Amino acid sequence: MKFSIRDMMLITLCVALTLGWWVDHRQQSRSREKAESGLLTLCQYLTDEGYKLGWDTGKNMLSVSRPGTPSSSLLPAQELPSE
């Protein structure tokens, strides 16, 4: 079985694209896990301090309130600043 230069270039391209996708996907997964872990830690801390947390799925907003004070809504998820 003989491979031409064109065949080798095509195989190299496929391997490079697959490897690039895999590295990017792995990095995004780790970044998401880290963000979720930080959010859970923050939620646990706020709950321990007496705050009540609520998530409005219709508006995609998080509300935080302390008993006896009015609720304050935070930024919608799509408007959160990115790194």
C-alpha atoms as a PDB file:
ATOM      1  CA  MET A   1       0.000   0.000   0.000  1.00  0.00           C
ATOM      2  CA  LYS A   2       1.474   3.331  -1.080  1.00  0.00           C
ATOM      3  CA  PHE A   3       0.613   6.735   0.354  1.00  0.00           C
ATOM      4  CA  SER A   4       1.028   9.855  -1.685  1.00  0.00           C
ATOM      5  CA  ILE A   5       2.102  13.193  -0.263  1.00  0.00           C
ATOM      6  CA  ARG A   6      -1.513  14.339  -0.579  1.00  0.00           C
ATOM      7  CA  ASP A   7      -2.717  11.395   1.529  1.00  0.00           C
ATOM      8  CA  MET A   8      -0.132  12.129   4.212  1.00  0.00           C
ATOM      9  CA  MET A   9      -1.093  15.827   4.270  1.00  0.00           C
ATOM     10  CA  LEU A  10      -4.773  14.893   4.665  1.00  0.00           C
ATOM     11  CA  ILE A  11      -4.005  12.479   7.505  1.00  0.00           C
ATOM     12  CA  THR A  12      -1.795  15.109   9.190  1.00  0.00           C
ATOM     13  CA  LEU A  13      -4.570  17.705   8.870  1.00  0.00           C
ATOM     14  CA  CYS A  14      -7.165  15.352  10.382  1.00  0.00           C
ATOM     15  CA  VAL A  15      -4.901  14.430  13.294  1.00  0.00           C
ATOM     16  CA  ALA A  16      -3.998  18.093  13.948  1.00  0.00           C
ATOM     17  CA  LEU A  17      -7.651  19.220  13.931  1.00  0.00           C
ATOM     18  CA  THR A  18      -8.700  16.373  16.224  1.00  0.00           C
ATOM     19  CA  LEU A  19      -5.844  17.037  18.640  1.00  0.00           C
ATOM     20  CA  GLY A  20      -6.594  20.783  18.652  1.00  0.00           C
ATOM     21  CA  TRP A  21     -10.273  20.158  19.391  1.00  0.00           C
ATOM     22  CA  TRP A  22      -9.417  17.707  22.197  1.00  0.00           C
ATOM     23  CA  VAL A  23      -6.974  20.111  23.899  1.00  0.00           C
ATOM     24  CA  ASP A  24      -9.475  22.992  23.690  1.00  0.00           C
ATOM     25  CA  HIS A  25     -12.339  20.831  24.991  1.00  0.00           C
ATOM     26  CA  ARG A  26     -10.248  19.613  27.921  1.00  0.00           C
ATOM     27  CA  GLN A  27      -9.252  23.188  28.815  1.00  0.00           C
ATOM     28  CA  GLN A  28     -12.858  24.390  28.687  1.00  0.00           C
ATOM     29  CA  SER A  29     -14.009  21.466  30.856  1.00  0.00           C
ATOM     30  CA  ARG A  30     -11.408  22.234  33.514  1.00  0.00           C
ATOM     31  CA  SER A  31     -12.259  25.928  33.443  1.00  0.00           C
ATOM     32  CA  ARG A  32     -15.960  25.165  33.858  1.00  0.00           C
ATOM     33  CA  GLU A  33     -15.317  22.747  36.732  1.00  0.00           C
ATOM     34  CA  LYS A  34     -13.204  25.387  38.484  1.00  0.00           C
ATOM     35  CA  ALA A  35     -15.920  28.029  38.055  1.00  0.00           C
ATOM     36  CA  GLU A  36     -18.641  25.667  39.315  1.00  0.00           C
ATOM     37  CA  SER A  37     -16.527  24.757  42.340  1.00  0.00           C
ATOM     38  CA  GLY A  38     -15.994  28.445  43.167  1.00  0.00           C
ATOM     39  CA  LEU A  39     -19.700  29.169  42.789  1.00  0.00           C
ATOM     40  CA  LEU A  40     -20.631  26.300  45.099  1.00  0.00           C
ATOM     41  CA  THR A  41     -18.122  27.534  47.693  1.00  0.00           C
ATOM     42  CA  LEU A  42     -19.537  31.066  47.462  1.00  0.00           C
ATOM     43  CA  CYS A  43     -23.124  29.813  47.759  1.00  0.00           C
ATOM     44  CA  GLN A  44     -22.220  27.714  50.793  1.00  0.00           C
ATOM     45  CA  TYR A  45     -20.472  30.682  52.447  1.00  0.00           C
ATOM     46  CA  LEU A  46     -23.407  33.035  51.807  1.00  0.00           C
ATOM     47  CA  THR A  47     -25.878  30.447  53.096  1.00  0.00           C
ATOM     48  CA  ASP A  48     -23.784  29.944  56.247  1.00  0.00           C
ATOM     49  CA  GLU A  49     -23.799  33.730  56.789  1.00  0.00           C
ATOM     50  CA  GLY A  50     -27.607  33.807  56.692  1.00  0.00           C
ATOM     51  CA  TYR A  51     -28.203  34.968  53.121  1.00  0.00           C
ATOM     52  CA  LYS A  52     -30.965  33.443  51.018  1.00  0.00           C
ATOM     53  CA  LEU A  53     -30.169  32.675  47.398  1.00  0.00           C
ATOM     54  CA  GLY A  54     -32.657  32.355  44.581  1.00  0.00           C
ATOM     55  CA  TRP A  55     -32.329  31.697  40.868  1.00  0.00           C
ATOM     56  CA  ASP A  56     -34.902  33.140  38.467  1.00  0.00           C
ATOM     57  CA  THR A  57     -34.711  30.849  35.453  1.00  0.00           C
ATOM     58  CA  GLY A  58     -37.016  33.059  33.388  1.00  0.00           C
ATOM     59  CA  LYS A  59     -34.724  36.071  33.703  1.00  0.00           C
ATOM     60  CA  ASN A  60     -31.559  34.000  34.199  1.00  0.00           C
ATOM     61  CA  MET A  61     -30.695  36.022  37.304  1.00  0.00           C
ATOM     62  CA  LEU A  62     -29.406  35.253  40.780  1.00  0.00           C
ATOM     63  CA  SER A  63     -30.979  37.058  43.708  1.00  0.00           C
ATOM     64  CA  VAL A  64     -29.339  37.372  47.116  1.00  0.00           C
ATOM     65  CA  SER A  65     -31.152  38.529  50.242  1.00  0.00           C
ATOM     66  CA  ARG A  66     -30.509  38.584  53.938  1.00  0.00           C
ATOM     67  CA  PRO A  67     -33.511  38.060  56.199  1.00  0.00           C
ATOM     68  CA  GLY A  68     -35.057  41.441  57.016  1.00  0.00           C
ATOM     69  CA  THR A  69     -33.585  43.265  54.017  1.00  0.00           C
ATOM     70  CA  PRO A  70     -34.860  43.652  50.451  1.00  0.00           C
ATOM     71  CA  SER A  71     -33.599  41.296  47.783  1.00  0.00           C
ATOM     72  CA  SER A  72     -30.976  42.525  45.332  1.00  0.00           C
ATOM     73  CA  SER A  73     -30.646  41.002  41.892  1.00  0.00           C
ATOM     74  CA  LEU A  74     -27.258  40.447  40.388  1.00  0.00           C
ATOM     75  CA  LEU A  75     -26.303  40.673  36.728  1.00  0.00           C
ATOM     76  CA  PRO A  76     -27.907  38.256  34.293  1.00  0.00           C
ATOM     77  CA  ALA A  77     -25.543  35.414  33.404  1.00  0.00           C
ATOM     78  CA  GLN A  78     -24.985  36.606  29.830  1.00  0.00           C
ATOM     79  CA  GLU A  79     -23.891  40.058  31.071  1.00  0.00           C
ATOM     80  CA  LEU A  80     -21.288  38.810  33.536  1.00  0.00           C
ATOM     81  CA  PRO A  81     -17.849  40.165  32.680  1.00  0.00           C
ATOM     82  CA  SER A  82     -15.524  37.671  31.070  1.00  0.00           C
ATOM     83  CA  GLU A  83     -11.799  37.249  31.620  1.00  0.00           C
END
